[in-house]
Amino acid sequence: MFIVLVLLGALTGLTVGASAGEHSPPNLYAVDYFKLENGLDVVLKKRTHARNVAVRLVVNVGFRHFPCDKRETPHFLEHLLFMGTSKHGEVELKRLIENHGGSWNGFTTATDTGYQVDIYDQHLPLAINTLYEIITDTIITPEKIESAREIIFRERGGKHSRLTHWLYRNGVFKDAATKGLELLLPGTSVQCPGLITPDGTSEADVKEAYKSYYVPANMTLVVVGSFDRDTLVSQVKATFGKLIHKESNGSELITPPFMKGTKEVTGTLSPLIGVDGAVGFVYRTHGSNSPDTYPLWVLWKYLDRVLHERIRVKEAMSYGPGSGYSSGHDYGIFATAADVALGKMELAKAILDEELEKLKRGGIEAEHLAVVKQQILWEIARSYESNSSMAGLYVSSLSQLKTNGKLTNDEASIAKVTPEDIQRVANQYLRNDARVIVRSTPTMTFTQFYIGLGVVAVTIPGTGFYFVRRFVKKRRARQAS
């Protein structure tokens, strides 16, 4: 499954909702959604089962809004907003939340930057005021820019040499899954060819991004938990409502085009050494706003079970075969793969093709499909019990909420998926003439590595002894003459 996970790593995670009704929390979709006069979106969900509140402030700006050399710009702002205001330093801000039994953190994704606080409900006003403070009063200095740069370097695994950058940009030490995604999502810098670093981001870039994107019409406040609505709305209007109305003048996202033709990739010196390989296919789909999301979701779970039972249980040739599906609001990725011994790569590829062709021909068992759909509903039901997890659901569904004014009932949509729907999306998206075949094979097996090491161990001393002996003989010859 490693290759599937890497392929899906291009997205922030599966964009799916939760089922409501028999399996899920009551009134999951009944959110209080409105807009302030200055354009800021507000999503409220009152739940009184626990004495806590989850607060999320989401700014619609992420990595994809910037070119590859400045891709980390929104990440800088995520860190800078925790580094202090004119009223509180970084340590003071952290203690302010923690001393009231809360926790806070931030995140930057391909499309959004978020600030989150989970706190005892009595201290909700403190959370709102603190988020408002860091959004409006953060002090950006050259020193803080450099501090954020060092933190991001640590998150990225440290600094890389120019040679490492050159090698990676030219495909050396780049794994097959990453190469596959570059082919699948061409032309829009969704996948950057080089290593992503904070080197290219300047203070001016950060300040311009803050000015362009951190405006009311580009932000959403989500609050889930125990609160008094009138009191909360009054506080939100007295804080975030004071922001001057302004539309974002930042760049818009560019949706990746669909790839044409079939392509095949392998890693280059990645992995370097190993005994096994992996083979799989990756396909492009429409995004989460497409009605095909639900059939693709069910197809993923159905095929995942089929491949496990066929390749691992029956054939006993793979540890973690499977499939995966992930979607952003404007594109998605469907992947299927199996890890196998190097001598069985072609057999595994043939089995993957065989099972996919069965689906395209309509070889879908209705009883099996019903079990899979029930599995999905139960999996979701246990995913959205806490206020924090439900806040995460609403954050991931903001695009849907802003487009339709409401959330889609996922339980009903999953229930409607038929074998014919599965067959249709399989033929529409999992096409042999629009896929990337991904092969992950080690450059050397361990046997080859040890043989090479032995050759080097013998050759270097032998070569050294030869030249030393030659030098001594020449010196003696000169002395004799």
Foldseek 3Di string as FASTA:
>chain_A
DVLQCLLQVLFPFAQDFAFEDPQADHPLFPWDWDAFPLQAIETEAEDAPDQKKKKKKKFFAAQLLDAQLQSCLVVLLQVQLLQDFPVDGNVRLQCLQVVQVKHWHWDGTRTMIMIMMMGGNVCVLVVLVSVLCSLPGGDDDPVSSVVSQVVVCVVLPHDDDPVQQVCQLVQAQDFLSLVFNCQFQDDRPSRPSTRRGNVNDDSVSNVVCSVQTSANSRMYMYMYYHDDVVVVVVSCCVRVVPTHRDHHPGGDGDFGDFHFFEAETGHHPVPAEAFKKKKKKKWKDFAPVDLLSLLVVLLQLLQQVVCCCPVCVVVVFFDHWGKDKHGANGMIMIMTMTMGGPVCHVVRVVVVVVVLVCLLVLVDDQVSSVVSLVVVNNVSNVQPDDNNSSSVSCVSCVVVCVVPVTDDNSNVSNVPDDSVSNNVVSPVMVDNTRMYMTMYDHPYYVVRVVVVVVCCVVVVVVVVVVVVVVVVVVVVVVVVD
